[in-house]
Amino acid sequence: MSIKTKIAAAALAALAVTGTMVSTTSQAQAKPPGWVFGVGAGIATAAVVGSAIAASNDPYYYGYHRCGWVAQYNAFGQYVGRVRTCY
């Protein structure tokens, strides 16, 4: 599990616990959802979509990848084969 996934899981767990505590300690009032609900839903949607986009992209440095085949040698300096590297 990557660090981003661990942070997202911890944040989701904290949000669930907080939501549970708030819902059980407040009185039930029937009123239509206001603008606060829209803002909260927008922030949650942006967080989910942003993390999905960030997780789907490979990391890049200086705006582009340079990939190629490089010779690989063992500890004795003998040629072992090629390996694809990106930098």
N, C-alpha and C. Protein backbone atom coordinates (compact mmCIF):
# COMPACT_ATOMS: atom_id res chain seq x y z
N MET A 1 0.84 -1.16 0.00
CA MET A 1 0.00 0.00 0.00
C MET A 1 0.89 1.24 0.00
N SER A 2 0.58 2.19 -0.88
CA SER A 2 1.39 3.39 -0.94
C SER A 2 1.02 4.34 0.19
N ILE A 3 1.84 5.34 0.37
CA ILE A 3 1.59 6.31 1.43
C ILE A 3 0.31 7.09 1.16
N LYS A 4 0.07 7.42 -0.12
CA LYS A 4 -1.16 8.14 -0.46
C LYS A 4 -2.39 7.32 -0.09
N THR A 5 -2.35 6.03 -0.36
CA THR A 5 -3.48 5.17 -0.04
C THR A 5 -3.69 5.08 1.46
N LYS A 6 -2.60 4.99 2.21
CA LYS A 6 -2.71 4.93 3.67
C LYS A 6 -3.30 6.22 4.23
N ILE A 7 -2.86 7.36 3.70
CA ILE A 7 -3.39 8.64 4.17
C ILE A 7 -4.87 8.76 3.82
N ALA A 8 -5.24 8.36 2.60
CA ALA A 8 -6.64 8.43 2.19
C ALA A 8 -7.50 7.52 3.06
N ALA A 9 -7.01 6.33 3.38
CA ALA A 9 -7.77 5.41 4.22
C ALA A 9 -7.93 5.97 5.64
N ALA A 10 -6.88 6.56 6.17
CA ALA A 10 -6.96 7.15 7.51
C ALA A 10 -7.91 8.34 7.54
N ALA A 11 -7.88 9.16 6.48
CA ALA A 11 -8.79 10.31 6.41
C ALA A 11 -10.24 9.85 6.30
N LEU A 12 -10.47 8.82 5.50
CA LEU A 12 -11.83 8.30 5.35
C LEU A 12 -12.33 7.70 6.66
N ALA A 13 -11.46 7.00 7.38
CA ALA A 13 -11.85 6.43 8.67
C ALA A 13 -12.15 7.54 9.68
N ALA A 14 -11.33 8.58 9.70
CA ALA A 14 -11.57 9.70 10.62
C ALA A 14 -12.87 10.41 10.28
N LEU A 15 -13.15 10.56 8.99
CA LEU A 15 -14.40 11.19 8.56
C LEU A 15 -15.60 10.34 8.96
N ALA A 16 -15.49 9.04 8.82
CA ALA A 16 -16.59 8.16 9.20
C ALA A 16 -16.84 8.21 10.71
N VAL A 17 -15.78 8.20 11.50
CA VAL A 17 -15.93 8.27 12.95
C VAL A 17 -16.54 9.60 13.36
N THR A 18 -16.06 10.68 12.77
CA THR A 18 -16.59 12.01 13.09
C THR A 18 -18.06 12.11 12.70
N GLY A 19 -18.39 11.61 11.52
CA GLY A 19 -19.79 11.63 11.08
C GLY A 19 -20.69 10.83 11.98
N THR A 20 -20.21 9.71 12.45
CA THR A 20 -20.99 8.88 13.36
C THR A 20 -21.22 9.59 14.68
N MET A 21 -20.19 10.23 15.21
CA MET A 21 -20.33 10.93 16.48
C MET A 21 -21.27 12.12 16.36
N VAL A 22 -21.17 12.85 15.26
CA VAL A 22 -22.03 14.02 15.06
C VAL A 22 -23.48 13.58 14.89
N SER A 23 -23.70 12.51 14.15
CA SER A 23 -25.08 12.09 13.89
C SER A 23 -25.75 11.52 15.13
N THR A 24 -24.98 10.97 16.05
CA THR A 24 -25.59 10.39 17.24
C THR A 24 -25.75 11.39 18.37
N THR A 25 -25.03 12.50 18.35
CA THR A 25 -25.12 13.46 19.45
C THR A 25 -26.05 14.63 19.15
N SER A 26 -26.48 14.80 17.91
CA SER A 26 -27.35 15.92 17.59
C SER A 26 -28.80 15.46 17.48
N GLN A 27 -29.71 16.41 17.65
CA GLN A 27 -31.13 16.09 17.55
C GLN A 27 -31.53 16.02 16.08
N ALA A 28 -32.53 15.21 15.80
CA ALA A 28 -33.01 15.06 14.43
C ALA A 28 -33.91 16.25 14.09
N GLN A 29 -33.59 16.94 13.02
CA GLN A 29 -34.40 18.05 12.54
C GLN A 29 -34.64 17.85 11.06
N ALA A 30 -35.89 17.92 10.67
CA ALA A 30 -36.25 17.75 9.26
C ALA A 30 -36.21 19.11 8.57
N LYS A 31 -35.20 19.34 7.77
CA LYS A 31 -35.12 20.56 6.98
C LYS A 31 -34.34 20.24 5.70
N PRO A 32 -34.58 20.99 4.66
CA PRO A 32 -33.92 20.69 3.39
C PRO A 32 -32.42 20.97 3.46
N PRO A 33 -31.63 20.21 2.71
CA PRO A 33 -30.19 20.47 2.73
C PRO A 33 -29.89 21.83 2.12
N GLY A 34 -29.03 22.57 2.74
CA GLY A 34 -28.71 23.91 2.27
C GLY A 34 -27.46 23.92 1.42
N TRP A 35 -26.87 25.09 1.32
CA TRP A 35 -25.69 25.24 0.49
C TRP A 35 -24.48 24.54 1.10
N VAL A 36 -24.49 24.29 2.40
CA VAL A 36 -23.38 23.61 3.05
C VAL A 36 -23.24 22.18 2.53
N PHE A 37 -24.38 21.53 2.29
CA PHE A 37 -24.35 20.18 1.73
C PHE A 37 -23.70 20.19 0.34
N GLY A 38 -24.02 21.17 -0.47
CA GLY A 38 -23.43 21.27 -1.81
C GLY A 38 -21.93 21.50 -1.78
N VAL A 39 -21.49 22.36 -0.87
CA VAL A 39 -20.06 22.63 -0.74
C VAL A 39 -19.32 21.38 -0.27
N GLY A 40 -19.89 20.69 0.72
CA GLY A 40 -19.26 19.47 1.22
C GLY A 40 -19.19 18.38 0.16
N ALA A 41 -20.28 18.22 -0.59
CA ALA A 41 -20.29 17.21 -1.67
C ALA A 41 -19.29 17.58 -2.75
N GLY A 42 -19.16 18.87 -3.07
CA GLY A 42 -18.19 19.31 -4.08
C GLY A 42 -16.76 19.06 -3.65
N ILE A 43 -16.46 19.33 -2.40
CA ILE A 43 -15.10 19.10 -1.89
C ILE A 43 -14.79 17.60 -1.88
N ALA A 44 -15.75 16.79 -1.45
CA ALA A 44 -15.52 15.34 -1.42
C ALA A 44 -15.33 14.79 -2.83
N THR A 45 -16.15 15.25 -3.77
CA THR A 45 -16.02 14.79 -5.16
C THR A 45 -14.67 15.22 -5.74
N ALA A 46 -14.27 16.45 -5.47
CA ALA A 46 -12.98 16.93 -5.98
C ALA A 46 -11.83 16.12 -5.41
N ALA A 47 -11.93 15.74 -4.14
CA ALA A 47 -10.86 14.95 -3.53
C ALA A 47 -10.78 13.56 -4.15
N VAL A 48 -11.93 12.95 -4.39
CA VAL A 48 -11.94 11.60 -4.99
C VAL A 48 -11.42 11.64 -6.42
N VAL A 49 -11.90 12.60 -7.21
CA VAL A 49 -11.47 12.69 -8.61
C VAL A 49 -9.99 13.08 -8.69
N GLY A 50 -9.55 13.99 -7.84
CA GLY A 50 -8.15 14.40 -7.84
C GLY A 50 -7.21 13.27 -7.48
N SER A 51 -7.61 12.46 -6.46
CA SER A 51 -6.74 11.34 -6.11
C SER A 51 -6.73 10.26 -7.18
N ALA A 52 -7.85 10.08 -7.88
CA ALA A 52 -7.88 9.09 -8.96
C ALA A 52 -6.98 9.53 -10.11
N ILE A 53 -7.00 10.81 -10.44
CA ILE A 53 -6.13 11.32 -11.51
C ILE A 53 -4.67 11.22 -11.10
N ALA A 54 -4.36 11.59 -9.87
CA ALA A 54 -2.98 11.53 -9.41
C ALA A 54 -2.46 10.10 -9.36
N ALA A 55 -3.30 9.15 -9.00
CA ALA A 55 -2.86 7.76 -8.90
C ALA A 55 -2.67 7.13 -10.28
N SER A 56 -3.39 7.63 -11.29
CA SER A 56 -3.30 7.00 -12.61
C SER A 56 -2.08 7.47 -13.40
N ASN A 57 -1.49 8.59 -13.04
CA ASN A 57 -0.35 9.12 -13.78
C ASN A 57 0.96 8.62 -13.19
N ASP A 58 1.91 8.36 -14.08
CA ASP A 58 3.25 8.01 -13.63
C ASP A 58 3.97 9.28 -13.20
N PRO A 59 4.87 9.17 -12.25
CA PRO A 59 5.62 10.37 -11.87
C PRO A 59 6.55 10.80 -13.01
N TYR A 60 6.70 12.07 -13.18
CA TYR A 60 7.61 12.55 -14.21
C TYR A 60 8.41 13.71 -13.64
N TYR A 61 9.57 13.89 -14.19
CA TYR A 61 10.46 14.93 -13.75
C TYR A 61 10.82 15.79 -14.95
N TYR A 62 10.83 17.06 -14.77
CA TYR A 62 11.15 18.02 -15.82
C TYR A 62 10.15 17.93 -16.98
N GLY A 63 8.97 17.39 -16.74
CA GLY A 63 7.91 17.40 -17.73
C GLY A 63 7.90 16.26 -18.73
N TYR A 64 8.88 15.38 -18.76
CA TYR A 64 8.87 14.29 -19.74
C TYR A 64 9.70 13.12 -19.23
N HIS A 65 9.50 11.97 -19.89
CA HIS A 65 10.27 10.76 -19.56
C HIS A 65 11.34 10.54 -20.62
N ARG A 66 12.42 9.98 -20.20
CA ARG A 66 13.43 9.47 -21.13
C ARG A 66 13.63 8.01 -20.78
N CYS A 67 13.26 7.13 -21.69
CA CYS A 67 13.37 5.70 -21.44
C CYS A 67 14.31 5.07 -22.46
N GLY A 68 14.98 4.01 -22.06
CA GLY A 68 15.86 3.31 -22.96
C GLY A 68 16.38 2.03 -22.33
N TRP A 69 17.11 1.26 -23.12
CA TRP A 69 17.67 0.00 -22.65
C TRP A 69 19.10 0.23 -22.21
N VAL A 70 19.46 -0.30 -21.03
CA VAL A 70 20.79 -0.13 -20.46
C VAL A 70 21.36 -1.50 -20.14
N ALA A 71 22.64 -1.66 -20.40
CA ALA A 71 23.30 -2.94 -20.11
C ALA A 71 23.37 -3.14 -18.60
N GLN A 72 23.20 -4.39 -18.18
CA GLN A 72 23.24 -4.71 -16.76
C GLN A 72 24.39 -5.69 -16.52
N TYR A 73 25.18 -5.43 -15.48
CA TYR A 73 26.34 -6.26 -15.15
C TYR A 73 26.22 -6.79 -13.73
N ASN A 74 26.81 -7.94 -13.48
CA ASN A 74 26.78 -8.48 -12.12
C ASN A 74 27.96 -7.92 -11.31
N ALA A 75 28.15 -8.44 -10.11
CA ALA A 75 29.18 -7.91 -9.22
C ALA A 75 30.59 -8.13 -9.75
N PHE A 76 30.77 -9.09 -10.67
CA PHE A 76 32.09 -9.40 -11.21
C PHE A 76 32.36 -8.67 -12.52
N GLY A 77 31.43 -7.82 -12.96
CA GLY A 77 31.60 -7.06 -14.19
C GLY A 77 31.21 -7.83 -15.43
N GLN A 78 30.55 -8.96 -15.28
CA GLN A 78 30.13 -9.74 -16.43
C GLN A 78 28.76 -9.28 -16.91
N TYR A 79 28.60 -9.21 -18.24
CA TYR A 79 27.34 -8.77 -18.83
C TYR A 79 26.25 -9.78 -18.51
N VAL A 80 25.12 -9.29 -17.99
CA VAL A 80 24.01 -10.16 -17.63
C VAL A 80 22.87 -10.03 -18.62
N GLY A 81 22.62 -8.84 -19.07
CA GLY A 81 21.52 -8.60 -20.01
C GLY A 81 21.17 -7.12 -20.04
N ARG A 82 20.00 -6.84 -20.58
CA ARG A 82 19.55 -5.45 -20.66
C ARG A 82 18.36 -5.24 -19.76
N VAL A 83 18.20 -4.01 -19.33
CA VAL A 83 17.05 -3.65 -18.51
C VAL A 83 16.55 -2.29 -18.99
N ARG A 84 15.24 -2.13 -19.03
CA ARG A 84 14.64 -0.87 -19.48
C ARG A 84 14.60 0.10 -18.30
N THR A 85 15.14 1.29 -18.50
CA THR A 85 15.14 2.29 -17.46
C THR A 85 14.56 3.59 -18.00
N CYS A 86 13.90 4.31 -17.12
CA CYS A 86 13.35 5.61 -17.47
C CYS A 86 13.92 6.64 -16.49
N TYR A 87 14.34 7.73 -17.01
CA TYR A 87 14.87 8.79 -16.16
C TYR A 87 14.39 10.13 -16.64
